[in-house]
N, C-alpha and C. Protein backbone atom coordinates (compact mmCIF):
# COMPACT_ATOMS: atom_id res chain seq x y z
N MET A 1 0.81 -1.19 0.00
CA MET A 1 0.00 0.00 0.00
C MET A 1 0.86 1.27 0.00
N ARG A 2 1.97 1.23 0.74
CA ARG A 2 2.83 2.41 0.81
C ARG A 2 3.40 2.75 -0.55
N GLY A 3 3.70 1.75 -1.36
CA GLY A 3 4.22 1.99 -2.71
C GLY A 3 3.24 2.76 -3.56
N TYR A 4 1.95 2.45 -3.42
CA TYR A 4 0.93 3.17 -4.18
C TYR A 4 0.81 4.62 -3.72
N VAL A 5 0.93 4.83 -2.41
CA VAL A 5 0.84 6.19 -1.87
C VAL A 5 2.01 7.02 -2.39
N SER A 6 3.22 6.45 -2.39
CA SER A 6 4.39 7.17 -2.89
C SER A 6 4.26 7.48 -4.37
N LEU A 7 3.75 6.51 -5.14
CA LEU A 7 3.56 6.72 -6.57
C LEU A 7 2.52 7.81 -6.82
N PHE A 8 1.43 7.78 -6.04
CA PHE A 8 0.39 8.80 -6.18
C PHE A 8 0.94 10.18 -5.84
N ALA A 9 1.73 10.29 -4.77
CA ALA A 9 2.32 11.58 -4.39
C ALA A 9 3.25 12.10 -5.47
N LEU A 10 4.02 11.21 -6.08
CA LEU A 10 4.92 11.60 -7.16
C LEU A 10 4.14 12.10 -8.38
N LEU A 11 3.08 11.40 -8.74
CA LEU A 11 2.25 11.83 -9.86
C LEU A 11 1.58 13.16 -9.58
N LEU A 12 1.10 13.34 -8.36
CA LEU A 12 0.45 14.60 -7.99
C LEU A 12 1.45 15.75 -8.05
N ALA A 13 2.66 15.54 -7.55
CA ALA A 13 3.67 16.61 -7.57
C ALA A 13 4.07 16.97 -8.99
N SER A 14 4.19 15.96 -9.87
CA SER A 14 4.60 16.26 -11.24
C SER A 14 3.49 16.90 -12.05
N SER A 15 2.23 16.79 -11.60
CA SER A 15 1.12 17.42 -12.33
C SER A 15 0.93 18.87 -11.93
N ASN A 16 1.51 19.29 -10.82
CA ASN A 16 1.42 20.67 -10.37
C ASN A 16 2.33 21.52 -11.24
N PRO A 17 1.77 22.55 -11.95
CA PRO A 17 2.61 23.32 -12.86
C PRO A 17 3.77 24.05 -12.18
N LEU A 18 3.59 24.44 -10.93
CA LEU A 18 4.68 25.13 -10.24
C LEU A 18 5.80 24.18 -9.88
N LEU A 19 5.48 22.91 -9.67
CA LEU A 19 6.51 21.95 -9.33
C LEU A 19 7.08 21.27 -10.56
N ALA A 20 6.28 21.13 -11.61
CA ALA A 20 6.72 20.42 -12.80
C ALA A 20 7.80 21.20 -13.54
N GLU A 21 7.68 22.50 -13.57
CA GLU A 21 8.69 23.32 -14.22
C GLU A 21 8.86 24.59 -13.41
N SER A 22 10.00 25.19 -13.49
CA SER A 22 10.27 26.39 -12.73
C SER A 22 9.73 27.61 -13.47
N LEU A 23 8.62 28.16 -12.97
CA LEU A 23 8.06 29.36 -13.57
C LEU A 23 8.79 30.58 -13.04
N LYS A 24 8.87 31.59 -13.88
CA LYS A 24 9.54 32.83 -13.51
C LYS A 24 8.67 34.02 -13.89
N ILE A 25 8.77 35.07 -13.11
CA ILE A 25 8.12 36.33 -13.45
C ILE A 25 9.07 37.08 -14.35
N GLU A 26 8.65 37.31 -15.60
CA GLU A 26 9.49 38.00 -16.58
C GLU A 26 9.42 39.52 -16.39
N ARG A 27 8.22 40.02 -16.06
CA ARG A 27 8.05 41.47 -15.85
C ARG A 27 6.65 41.72 -15.31
N PHE A 28 6.40 42.95 -14.88
CA PHE A 28 5.08 43.38 -14.46
C PHE A 28 4.41 44.08 -15.64
N HIS A 29 3.10 43.94 -15.76
CA HIS A 29 2.39 44.61 -16.85
C HIS A 29 2.56 46.12 -16.75
N ASP A 30 2.48 46.65 -15.54
CA ASP A 30 2.59 48.09 -15.33
C ASP A 30 3.57 48.34 -14.19
N GLN A 31 4.82 48.48 -14.54
CA GLN A 31 5.89 48.63 -13.55
C GLN A 31 5.68 49.84 -12.64
N LYS A 32 5.11 50.93 -13.18
CA LYS A 32 4.93 52.15 -12.40
C LYS A 32 3.87 52.01 -11.32
N HIS A 33 2.79 51.28 -11.62
CA HIS A 33 1.64 51.25 -10.72
C HIS A 33 1.41 49.90 -10.06
N ALA A 34 2.34 48.98 -10.20
CA ALA A 34 2.18 47.64 -9.60
C ALA A 34 2.57 47.67 -8.13
N PHE A 35 1.84 46.91 -7.33
CA PHE A 35 2.14 46.78 -5.92
C PHE A 35 2.26 45.31 -5.57
N VAL A 36 3.12 45.02 -4.61
CA VAL A 36 3.29 43.66 -4.11
C VAL A 36 3.06 43.68 -2.60
N THR A 37 2.76 42.53 -2.05
CA THR A 37 2.56 42.39 -0.61
C THR A 37 3.87 41.94 0.02
N THR A 38 4.30 42.67 1.04
CA THR A 38 5.55 42.37 1.73
C THR A 38 5.36 41.23 2.72
N PRO A 39 6.45 40.68 3.25
CA PRO A 39 6.33 39.60 4.23
C PRO A 39 5.52 39.98 5.47
N ASP A 40 5.50 41.26 5.84
CA ASP A 40 4.73 41.66 7.03
C ASP A 40 3.28 42.00 6.72
N GLY A 41 2.85 41.86 5.44
CA GLY A 41 1.46 42.07 5.07
C GLY A 41 1.15 43.44 4.50
N SER A 42 2.10 44.36 4.52
CA SER A 42 1.88 45.68 3.93
C SER A 42 2.12 45.61 2.43
N THR A 43 1.80 46.69 1.74
CA THR A 43 2.04 46.73 0.30
C THR A 43 3.13 47.75 -0.01
N VAL A 44 3.85 47.48 -1.09
CA VAL A 44 4.91 48.38 -1.51
C VAL A 44 4.90 48.44 -3.04
N SER A 45 5.24 49.59 -3.56
CA SER A 45 5.32 49.77 -5.00
C SER A 45 6.51 48.98 -5.54
N VAL A 46 6.32 48.35 -6.69
CA VAL A 46 7.40 47.58 -7.31
C VAL A 46 8.58 48.47 -7.63
N GLY A 47 8.31 49.73 -7.97
CA GLY A 47 9.38 50.66 -8.29
C GLY A 47 10.33 50.90 -7.13
N GLU A 48 9.87 50.70 -5.90
CA GLU A 48 10.70 50.91 -4.72
C GLU A 48 11.65 49.74 -4.45
N LEU A 49 11.31 48.59 -5.01
CA LEU A 49 12.15 47.41 -4.81
C LEU A 49 13.19 47.33 -5.91
N GLU A 50 14.33 46.83 -5.59
CA GLU A 50 15.38 46.65 -6.59
C GLU A 50 15.31 45.20 -7.07
N LEU A 51 14.38 44.93 -7.98
CA LEU A 51 14.15 43.57 -8.46
C LEU A 51 14.99 43.31 -9.69
N VAL A 52 15.55 42.12 -9.76
CA VAL A 52 16.32 41.68 -10.91
C VAL A 52 15.52 40.56 -11.59
N PHE A 53 15.08 40.83 -12.82
CA PHE A 53 14.25 39.87 -13.54
C PHE A 53 15.11 38.89 -14.31
N PRO A 54 14.65 37.68 -14.52
CA PRO A 54 13.39 37.10 -14.09
C PRO A 54 13.43 36.70 -12.61
N LEU A 55 12.24 36.69 -11.98
CA LEU A 55 12.10 36.33 -10.58
C LEU A 55 11.56 34.90 -10.50
N ASP A 56 12.17 34.07 -9.67
CA ASP A 56 11.68 32.71 -9.48
C ASP A 56 10.39 32.71 -8.68
N ILE A 57 9.38 32.00 -9.17
CA ILE A 57 8.14 31.83 -8.44
C ILE A 57 8.34 30.63 -7.52
N THR A 58 8.18 30.85 -6.21
CA THR A 58 8.43 29.80 -5.24
C THR A 58 7.15 29.13 -4.75
N GLY A 59 6.00 29.68 -5.10
CA GLY A 59 4.73 29.09 -4.67
C GLY A 59 3.55 29.92 -5.14
N MET A 60 2.38 29.49 -4.71
CA MET A 60 1.15 30.21 -5.05
C MET A 60 0.25 30.20 -3.83
N GLU A 61 -0.39 31.36 -3.57
CA GLU A 61 -1.19 31.50 -2.37
C GLU A 61 -2.36 32.43 -2.65
N ARG A 62 -3.59 31.92 -2.58
CA ARG A 62 -4.82 32.72 -2.75
C ARG A 62 -4.78 33.64 -3.98
N GLY A 63 -4.47 33.09 -5.14
CA GLY A 63 -4.45 33.88 -6.37
C GLY A 63 -3.25 34.78 -6.51
N GLN A 64 -2.22 34.53 -5.72
CA GLN A 64 -1.01 35.33 -5.78
C GLN A 64 0.19 34.42 -5.97
N TYR A 65 1.16 34.90 -6.77
CA TYR A 65 2.43 34.21 -6.88
C TYR A 65 3.31 34.68 -5.73
N VAL A 66 4.07 33.76 -5.17
CA VAL A 66 5.05 34.08 -4.13
C VAL A 66 6.42 34.05 -4.79
N PHE A 67 7.20 35.10 -4.58
CA PHE A 67 8.55 35.16 -5.14
C PHE A 67 9.49 35.78 -4.12
N ASN A 68 10.76 35.50 -4.27
CA ASN A 68 11.77 36.06 -3.37
C ASN A 68 12.25 37.39 -3.91
N GLY A 69 12.18 38.40 -3.07
CA GLY A 69 12.63 39.73 -3.45
C GLY A 69 14.01 40.01 -2.88
N PRO A 70 14.30 41.28 -2.65
CA PRO A 70 15.60 41.65 -2.10
C PRO A 70 15.86 40.93 -0.77
N GLU A 71 17.06 40.49 -0.59
CA GLU A 71 17.50 39.82 0.63
C GLU A 71 16.74 38.52 0.89
N GLY A 72 16.16 37.92 -0.15
CA GLY A 72 15.50 36.62 -0.03
C GLY A 72 14.16 36.62 0.67
N GLU A 73 13.58 37.78 0.89
CA GLU A 73 12.28 37.85 1.56
C GLU A 73 11.17 37.46 0.58
N GLY A 74 10.15 36.79 1.08
CA GLY A 74 9.05 36.32 0.24
C GLY A 74 7.99 37.40 0.04
N TYR A 75 7.77 37.79 -1.21
CA TYR A 75 6.75 38.77 -1.57
C TYR A 75 5.64 38.06 -2.34
N ARG A 76 4.44 38.66 -2.37
CA ARG A 76 3.32 38.10 -3.12
C ARG A 76 2.80 39.14 -4.10
N VAL A 77 2.36 38.65 -5.28
CA VAL A 77 1.79 39.53 -6.30
C VAL A 77 0.62 38.80 -6.94
N TYR A 78 -0.45 39.53 -7.24
CA TYR A 78 -1.61 38.92 -7.87
C TYR A 78 -1.26 38.45 -9.28
N VAL A 79 -1.75 37.28 -9.61
CA VAL A 79 -1.43 36.61 -10.88
C VAL A 79 -1.61 37.51 -12.10
N PRO A 80 -2.73 38.24 -12.24
CA PRO A 80 -2.91 39.04 -13.47
C PRO A 80 -1.94 40.21 -13.63
N GLU A 81 -1.17 40.54 -12.59
CA GLU A 81 -0.28 41.69 -12.65
C GLU A 81 1.05 41.41 -13.32
N VAL A 82 1.36 40.15 -13.58
CA VAL A 82 2.69 39.81 -14.08
C VAL A 82 2.64 38.99 -15.37
N VAL A 83 3.75 39.03 -16.08
CA VAL A 83 3.96 38.17 -17.25
C VAL A 83 4.93 37.10 -16.80
N ILE A 84 4.54 35.84 -16.95
CA ILE A 84 5.40 34.75 -16.51
C ILE A 84 6.02 34.05 -17.71
N THR A 85 6.95 33.15 -17.44
CA THR A 85 7.60 32.36 -18.46
C THR A 85 6.54 31.66 -19.31
N GLY A 86 6.66 31.78 -20.62
CA GLY A 86 5.72 31.11 -21.51
C GLY A 86 4.43 31.87 -21.75
N SER A 87 4.27 33.05 -21.14
CA SER A 87 3.06 33.84 -21.35
C SER A 87 3.05 34.41 -22.76
N THR A 88 1.87 34.65 -23.27
CA THR A 88 1.74 35.34 -24.54
C THR A 88 1.04 36.66 -24.29
N GLU A 89 1.36 37.64 -25.08
CA GLU A 89 0.72 38.93 -24.94
C GLU A 89 -0.74 38.82 -25.41
N PRO A 90 -1.66 39.36 -24.63
CA PRO A 90 -3.05 39.29 -25.06
C PRO A 90 -3.29 40.21 -26.25
N VAL A 91 -4.15 39.78 -27.16
CA VAL A 91 -4.56 40.61 -28.27
C VAL A 91 -5.86 41.27 -27.87
N VAL A 92 -5.86 42.59 -27.78
CA VAL A 92 -7.05 43.33 -27.40
C VAL A 92 -7.81 43.66 -28.66
N VAL A 93 -9.01 43.12 -28.77
CA VAL A 93 -9.85 43.36 -29.94
C VAL A 93 -10.65 44.62 -29.70
N CYS A 94 -10.67 45.51 -30.69
CA CYS A 94 -11.43 46.75 -30.57
C CYS A 94 -12.90 46.43 -30.27
N ASP A 95 -13.53 47.26 -29.51
CA ASP A 95 -14.94 47.13 -29.11
C ASP A 95 -15.20 45.95 -28.19
N GLN A 96 -14.15 45.38 -27.61
CA GLN A 96 -14.33 44.32 -26.62
C GLN A 96 -13.39 44.61 -25.45
N SER A 97 -13.88 44.40 -24.23
CA SER A 97 -13.00 44.61 -23.08
C SER A 97 -12.20 43.36 -22.83
N GLN A 98 -11.00 43.53 -22.35
CA GLN A 98 -10.11 42.42 -22.06
C GLN A 98 -10.04 42.28 -20.54
N VAL A 99 -10.47 41.16 -20.02
CA VAL A 99 -10.43 40.92 -18.58
C VAL A 99 -9.60 39.66 -18.34
N VAL A 100 -8.69 39.74 -17.37
CA VAL A 100 -7.84 38.60 -17.02
C VAL A 100 -8.22 38.16 -15.62
N PHE A 101 -8.48 36.87 -15.45
CA PHE A 101 -8.83 36.34 -14.14
C PHE A 101 -7.68 35.53 -13.57
N ALA A 102 -7.56 35.56 -12.24
CA ALA A 102 -6.60 34.68 -11.57
C ALA A 102 -7.15 33.26 -11.63
N ASP A 103 -6.32 32.29 -11.28
CA ASP A 103 -6.72 30.89 -11.36
C ASP A 103 -7.98 30.58 -10.56
N ASP A 104 -8.19 31.27 -9.44
CA ASP A 104 -9.35 30.96 -8.61
C ASP A 104 -10.56 31.85 -8.92
N TYR A 105 -10.45 32.72 -9.90
CA TYR A 105 -11.53 33.58 -10.39
C TYR A 105 -12.09 34.55 -9.35
N ARG A 106 -11.33 34.83 -8.30
CA ARG A 106 -11.77 35.82 -7.33
C ARG A 106 -11.17 37.19 -7.61
N ILE A 107 -10.15 37.22 -8.46
CA ILE A 107 -9.45 38.46 -8.75
C ILE A 107 -9.43 38.67 -10.25
N ALA A 108 -9.80 39.86 -10.68
CA ALA A 108 -9.80 40.15 -12.11
C ALA A 108 -9.01 41.43 -12.35
N SER A 109 -8.51 41.56 -13.55
CA SER A 109 -7.75 42.75 -13.91
C SER A 109 -8.10 43.10 -15.36
N ALA A 110 -8.43 44.35 -15.60
CA ALA A 110 -8.74 44.79 -16.96
C ALA A 110 -7.45 45.17 -17.66
N ARG A 111 -7.23 44.65 -18.84
CA ARG A 111 -6.05 44.95 -19.62
C ARG A 111 -6.45 45.62 -20.92
N GLY A 112 -5.67 46.55 -21.37
CA GLY A 112 -5.91 47.17 -22.66
C GLY A 112 -7.00 48.21 -22.67
N VAL A 113 -7.42 48.67 -21.49
CA VAL A 113 -8.49 49.66 -21.44
C VAL A 113 -8.07 50.95 -22.12
N GLU A 114 -6.84 51.39 -21.86
CA GLU A 114 -6.37 52.62 -22.48
C GLU A 114 -5.37 52.36 -23.59
N GLY A 115 -5.03 51.12 -23.84
CA GLY A 115 -4.02 50.79 -24.84
C GLY A 115 -4.63 50.70 -26.22
N GLU A 116 -3.78 50.31 -27.16
CA GLU A 116 -4.22 50.17 -28.54
C GLU A 116 -4.92 48.82 -28.73
N CYS A 117 -5.76 48.76 -29.73
CA CYS A 117 -6.47 47.52 -30.02
C CYS A 117 -6.28 47.18 -31.50
N GLN A 118 -6.67 45.94 -31.84
CA GLN A 118 -6.55 45.50 -33.23
C GLN A 118 -7.92 45.22 -33.80
């Protein structure tokens, strides 16, 4: 029975996208206005942090990616705020709004509201 449990745990771990491959934050959609949550729960502007991209994603928590910032401290950022490894740029179609949802659909972000469309 223990062999089956170990095999199941291995399959479960390899199916998790964060564990199967190392995802990285390539950049923020809006570097000037993006905020992240600090380890103590407060928020700070990304511009105030000296981040070196790409950032390794170390986990996921309530629709937020967890990444290590300056001095190895764990910061959190909402999923729609960043471009990760393998992301594609959304095509904003004129006369349609572009909405991006986090994996758990509790957080949404409008993209392309003031940008150009095709």
